[in-house]
């Protein structure tokens, strides 16, 4: 088994960036979903309501600078260390302390989305504990629930074999894509070791309408979500794809890092090759 892809998403619900190596910190991949588009009341704005967010491409050009690109919009660069007002940003109605990124990016986002929008950044006062994780040192950023999403190429291949039109892995917005397993065997894993970092599997990843969005065109199709619900990989047949995970320790991983998995049956880490 190997790491096929590593991806992080600087802005929640916008396009991801593929990388060869990643620093894993208490919130997963460094800078993953450390920014979020919010409405005037602080609630998150996502692809669930605005599929065209999939076409916003945030690019880290330096450790502290971010460029935004989108169709028919001017390129915008923002300084992530610039001072901003403390604001409230809400994920699933829960309020968190964040830092506003200013009027220029607010106008850019508002023009593109057609609604009043602002960009919020995780600040030093931000704290959000991972639910269900055994290790309480793990945190989660603006991601929906958990710091890391792990999928397998074999699960996607099986799904595509049942669809009239294949879909790309980007619909499922993973942080880590593994290759070399058997489709859906991942639902028996309890831990995954990648290089020096051990990830605890916190739960299966329930899927929503974001997976109906083609991340390259912003067009939508519900077939894949409907087919997922027929796989019965969980007792109630809700659509799931991939795993939520939390790091138990921190360090650097890469696409060349060795991979081992742990199951309840094995009682030890099983190295897969």
Protein backbone atom coordinates (compact mmCIF):
# COMPACT_ATOMS: atom_id res chain seq x y z
CA UNK A 1 0.00 0.00 0.00
CA UNK A 2 1.24 3.50 -0.74
CA UNK A 3 0.27 7.16 -0.52
CA UNK A 4 -1.07 8.15 -3.95
CA UNK A 5 -1.98 11.78 -3.22
CA UNK A 6 -1.71 14.39 -0.48
CA UNK A 7 -4.05 17.37 -0.74
CA UNK A 8 -4.85 20.34 1.43
CA UNK A 9 -7.55 22.98 1.07
CA UNK A 10 -6.44 26.46 2.19
CA UNK A 11 -10.05 27.70 2.10
CA UNK A 12 -12.89 25.44 3.17
CA UNK A 13 -15.05 24.40 0.19
CA UNK A 14 -12.65 25.81 -2.42
CA UNK A 15 -10.19 24.00 -4.69
CA UNK A 16 -7.46 21.89 -3.14
CA UNK A 17 -3.70 21.90 -3.70
CA UNK A 18 -1.83 18.64 -4.30
CA UNK A 19 1.55 18.37 -2.61
CA UNK A 20 4.36 15.80 -2.40
CA UNK A 21 4.89 16.13 1.34
CA UNK A 22 2.92 17.54 4.25
CA UNK A 23 3.60 18.66 7.79
CA UNK A 24 1.03 17.09 10.11
CA UNK A 25 0.15 19.29 13.08
CA UNK A 26 -2.69 19.00 15.65
CA UNK A 27 -5.22 20.09 12.99
CA UNK A 28 -4.04 17.66 10.30
CA UNK A 29 -2.17 18.93 7.23
CA UNK A 30 -0.68 22.33 7.98
CA UNK A 31 -2.91 25.18 6.72
CA UNK A 32 -5.73 22.83 5.72
CA UNK A 33 -9.05 24.67 5.90
CA UNK A 34 -7.51 27.42 8.00
CA UNK A 35 -9.70 29.92 6.12
CA UNK A 36 -13.45 29.91 5.55
CA UNK A 37 -15.90 32.03 3.57
CA UNK A 38 -18.66 33.31 5.82
CA UNK A 39 -21.93 35.19 5.51
CA UNK A 40 -22.74 38.40 7.38
CA UNK A 41 -24.01 36.39 10.36
CA UNK A 42 -20.77 34.40 10.54
CA UNK A 43 -22.22 31.15 9.15
CA UNK A 44 -20.09 29.17 6.72
CA UNK A 45 -20.70 29.44 2.98
CA UNK A 46 -19.96 26.17 1.15
CA UNK A 47 -20.44 24.27 -2.08
CA UNK A 48 -23.67 22.88 -0.69
CA UNK A 49 -25.31 26.19 -1.58
CA UNK A 50 -22.75 27.57 -4.07
CA UNK A 51 -21.22 24.86 -6.29
CA UNK A 52 -19.18 27.52 -8.12
CA UNK A 53 -16.95 27.73 -5.03
CA UNK A 54 -15.26 24.62 -6.45
CA UNK A 55 -13.74 26.91 -9.10
CA UNK A 56 -12.08 29.26 -6.59
CA UNK A 57 -8.40 28.33 -6.53
CA UNK A 58 -6.44 29.49 -3.47
CA UNK A 59 -2.67 29.29 -3.97
CA UNK A 60 -0.12 29.72 -1.20
CA UNK A 61 2.67 31.73 -2.85
CA UNK A 62 4.57 32.22 0.39
CA UNK A 63 4.02 30.96 3.91
CA UNK A 64 1.99 34.08 4.68
CA UNK A 65 0.55 35.10 1.31
CA UNK A 66 -2.39 33.64 -0.58
CA UNK A 67 -3.54 34.26 -4.14
CA UNK A 68 -7.14 33.76 -5.24
CA UNK A 69 -8.13 32.85 -8.80
CA UNK A 70 -11.60 32.23 -10.23
CA UNK A 71 -13.26 32.41 -13.67
CA UNK A 72 -13.81 36.00 -14.88
CA UNK A 73 -12.28 37.42 -11.71
CA UNK A 74 -9.01 39.37 -11.26
CA UNK A 75 -6.19 37.62 -9.45
CA UNK A 76 -6.12 38.75 -5.82
CA UNK A 77 -3.27 38.42 -3.33
CA UNK A 78 -3.85 38.72 0.40
CA UNK A 79 -1.45 38.87 3.33
CA UNK A 80 -2.52 36.34 5.92
CA UNK A 81 -0.56 38.07 8.66
CA UNK A 82 -2.19 41.45 8.14
CA UNK A 83 -4.07 42.58 11.22
CA UNK A 84 -7.81 42.12 11.22
CA UNK A 85 -10.79 42.41 13.52
CA UNK A 86 -11.74 39.48 15.69
CA UNK A 87 -15.04 38.04 14.47
CA UNK A 88 -17.28 35.05 15.08
CA UNK A 89 -17.28 32.30 12.47
CA UNK A 90 -19.78 29.46 12.73
CA UNK A 91 -19.36 25.82 11.71
CA UNK A 92 -22.61 23.87 12.02
CA UNK A 93 -24.01 26.78 14.09
CA UNK A 94 -21.22 26.51 16.65
CA UNK A 95 -19.38 29.84 17.15
CA UNK A 96 -15.59 30.10 17.02
CA UNK A 97 -13.24 33.07 17.34
CA UNK A 98 -11.60 34.02 14.04
CA UNK A 99 -9.82 36.90 12.32
CA UNK A 100 -11.43 38.87 9.50
CA UNK A 101 -9.27 39.14 6.34
CA UNK A 102 -10.41 42.56 5.25
CA UNK A 103 -12.55 44.50 2.80
CA UNK A 104 -10.68 43.78 -0.44
CA UNK A 105 -11.12 40.02 -0.28
CA UNK A 106 -14.68 40.51 0.99
CA UNK A 107 -15.54 42.50 -2.15
CA UNK A 108 -13.84 39.88 -4.35
CA UNK A 109 -15.81 37.01 -2.81
CA UNK A 110 -19.06 38.98 -2.78
CA UNK A 111 -18.70 39.85 -6.47
CA UNK A 112 -17.98 36.26 -7.41
CA UNK A 113 -20.71 34.63 -5.30
CA UNK A 114 -23.35 37.34 -5.70
CA UNK A 115 -23.94 37.61 -1.95
CA UNK A 116 -22.29 39.47 0.91
CA UNK A 117 -19.32 37.34 1.98
CA UNK A 118 -16.19 37.68 4.07
CA UNK A 119 -13.08 35.58 4.62
CA UNK A 120 -12.32 34.36 8.14
CA UNK A 121 -8.98 32.96 9.33
CA UNK A 122 -8.15 30.80 12.30
CA UNK A 123 -6.44 32.97 14.91
CA UNK A 124 -4.44 32.24 18.02
CA UNK A 125 -7.65 32.14 20.10
CA UNK A 126 -9.26 29.47 17.89
CA UNK A 127 -9.82 26.13 19.59
CA UNK A 128 -11.93 23.19 18.44
CA UNK A 129 -11.52 19.70 19.91
CA UNK A 130 -11.94 16.66 17.66
CA UNK A 131 -15.10 14.72 18.56
CA UNK A 132 -14.73 10.97 19.22
CA UNK A 133 -10.92 11.06 19.17
CA UNK A 134 -9.12 9.19 21.94
CA UNK A 135 -6.20 11.63 21.90
CA UNK A 136 -7.53 15.03 22.97
CA UNK A 137 -4.42 16.85 21.73
CA UNK A 138 -5.87 16.68 18.20
CA UNK A 139 -7.78 19.72 17.01
CA UNK A 140 -9.86 20.50 13.95
CA UNK A 141 -9.82 23.66 11.84
CA UNK A 142 -12.82 24.88 9.81
CA UNK A 143 -13.34 21.37 8.38
CA UNK A 144 -16.84 20.02 8.91
CA UNK A 145 -15.97 17.65 11.75
CA UNK A 146 -12.51 16.07 11.70
CA UNK A 147 -8.96 17.09 10.76
CA UNK A 148 -8.17 14.47 8.09
CA UNK A 149 -10.14 12.65 5.39
CA UNK A 150 -8.58 9.45 4.00
CA UNK A 151 -9.85 7.62 0.90
CA UNK A 152 -8.61 4.74 -1.25
CA UNK A 153 -8.25 4.57 -5.01
CA UNK A 154 -9.78 1.08 -5.01
CA UNK A 155 -13.02 2.37 -3.45
CA UNK A 156 -13.29 5.01 -6.17
CA UNK A 157 -12.58 2.44 -8.88
CA UNK A 158 -15.36 0.23 -7.52
CA UNK A 159 -17.77 3.15 -7.39
CA UNK A 160 -16.93 4.17 -10.93
CA UNK A 161 -17.58 0.61 -12.14
CA UNK A 162 -21.21 1.10 -11.04
CA UNK A 163 -21.75 4.55 -12.58
CA UNK A 164 -22.83 5.50 -16.07
CA UNK A 165 -20.21 8.29 -15.97
CA UNK A 166 -17.05 8.09 -13.90
CA UNK A 167 -16.31 10.70 -11.23
CA UNK A 168 -12.99 12.05 -9.98
CA UNK A 169 -11.62 11.62 -6.48
CA UNK A 170 -11.73 15.40 -6.03
CA UNK A 171 -15.49 15.18 -5.38
CA UNK A 172 -14.71 13.50 -2.06
CA UNK A 173 -12.18 16.17 -1.03
CA UNK A 174 -9.69 13.87 0.68
CA UNK A 175 -6.46 14.89 2.37
CA UNK A 176 -4.81 11.51 1.86
CA UNK A 177 -5.50 9.05 -0.95
CA UNK A 178 -4.10 5.53 -0.48
CA UNK A 179 -3.59 2.94 -3.20
CA UNK A 180 -2.98 -0.80 -3.03
CA UNK A 181 -5.80 -2.06 -0.80
CA UNK A 182 -9.00 -3.98 -1.49
CA UNK A 183 -12.07 -1.80 -2.03
CA UNK A 184 -13.79 -0.99 1.28
CA UNK A 185 -11.42 -2.96 3.48
CA UNK A 186 -10.60 0.44 4.99
CA UNK A 187 -13.81 0.31 7.00
CA UNK A 188 -12.19 -2.33 9.23
CA UNK A 189 -9.13 -0.17 9.97
CA UNK A 190 -8.74 1.46 13.37
CA UNK A 191 -5.38 3.21 12.79
CA UNK A 192 -3.13 4.08 9.86
CA UNK A 193 0.60 4.69 10.21
CA UNK A 194 2.12 6.88 7.48
CA UNK A 195 5.81 7.47 7.97
CA UNK A 196 6.27 8.74 11.55
CA UNK A 197 2.62 9.76 12.05
CA UNK A 198 -0.10 7.52 13.46
CA UNK A 199 -3.66 8.43 12.51
CA UNK A 200 -6.61 7.26 14.58
CA UNK A 201 -9.73 6.45 12.55
CA UNK A 202 -12.51 8.35 14.28
CA UNK A 203 -15.46 7.31 12.08
CA UNK A 204 -16.57 6.66 8.51
CA UNK A 205 -17.11 9.71 6.33
CA UNK A 206 -20.79 10.41 5.68
CA UNK A 207 -21.33 12.07 2.31
CA UNK A 208 -23.52 15.02 1.36
CA UNK A 209 -24.47 17.10 -1.67
CA UNK A 210 -20.92 18.44 -2.09
CA UNK A 211 -20.06 15.08 -3.70
CA UNK A 212 -22.57 15.82 -6.46
CA UNK A 213 -20.42 18.75 -7.63
CA UNK A 214 -17.87 18.21 -10.40
CA UNK A 215 -14.87 20.06 -8.96
CA UNK A 216 -13.59 21.07 -12.40
CA UNK A 217 -16.79 22.45 -13.91
CA UNK A 218 -19.16 23.10 -10.94
CA UNK A 219 -21.85 21.07 -12.72
CA UNK A 220 -23.87 18.68 -10.54
CA UNK A 221 -25.05 15.09 -10.80
CA UNK A 222 -26.61 13.00 -8.03
CA UNK A 223 -25.88 9.53 -9.44
CA UNK A 224 -22.74 8.84 -7.40
CA UNK A 225 -24.44 9.77 -4.13
CA UNK A 226 -27.37 7.51 -4.91
CA UNK A 227 -25.11 4.58 -5.81
CA UNK A 228 -23.02 5.00 -2.65
CA UNK A 229 -26.14 4.48 -0.53
CA UNK A 230 -26.60 1.02 -2.09
CA UNK A 231 -23.19 -0.33 -1.06
CA UNK A 232 -24.29 -1.16 2.51
CA UNK A 233 -20.84 -0.72 4.00
CA UNK A 234 -22.56 0.57 7.15
CA UNK A 235 -25.70 -0.97 8.69
CA UNK A 236 -28.14 1.82 7.85
CA UNK A 237 -27.03 2.18 4.20
CA UNK A 238 -26.34 5.88 4.46
CA UNK A 239 -23.89 7.06 1.77
CA UNK A 240 -20.33 6.91 3.09
CA UNK A 241 -16.98 7.14 1.34
CA UNK A 242 -13.63 7.22 3.07
CA UNK A 243 -12.58 7.71 6.66
CA UNK A 244 -12.32 10.55 9.13
CA UNK A 245 -9.07 10.50 11.08
CA UNK A 246 -7.12 12.43 13.70
CA UNK A 247 -3.33 12.45 14.15
CA UNK A 248 -2.08 10.89 17.37
CA UNK A 249 1.33 12.49 16.93
CA UNK A 250 2.85 14.98 14.55
CA UNK A 251 5.56 15.08 11.89
CA UNK A 252 6.22 15.11 8.17
CA UNK A 253 4.73 12.61 5.74
CA UNK A 254 5.17 12.28 1.97
CA UNK A 255 4.00 10.28 -1.02
CA UNK A 256 7.02 8.01 -0.46
CA UNK A 257 6.26 7.34 3.22
CA UNK A 258 5.67 3.69 4.19
CA UNK A 259 2.07 2.82 5.09
CA UNK A 260 0.81 0.38 7.70
CA UNK A 261 -2.75 -0.31 8.88
CA UNK A 262 -4.21 -1.58 12.13
CA UNK A 263 -7.47 -3.49 12.56
CA UNK A 264 -9.31 -4.87 15.56
CA UNK A 265 -8.56 -8.38 14.31
CA UNK A 266 -4.81 -7.92 13.81
CA UNK A 267 -3.91 -6.60 17.29
CA UNK A 268 -0.81 -5.05 15.76
CA UNK A 269 0.22 -2.79 12.92
CA UNK A 270 0.21 -4.71 9.67
CA UNK A 271 2.58 -3.33 7.06
CA UNK A 272 1.12 -3.44 3.57
CA UNK A 273 3.30 -3.42 0.48
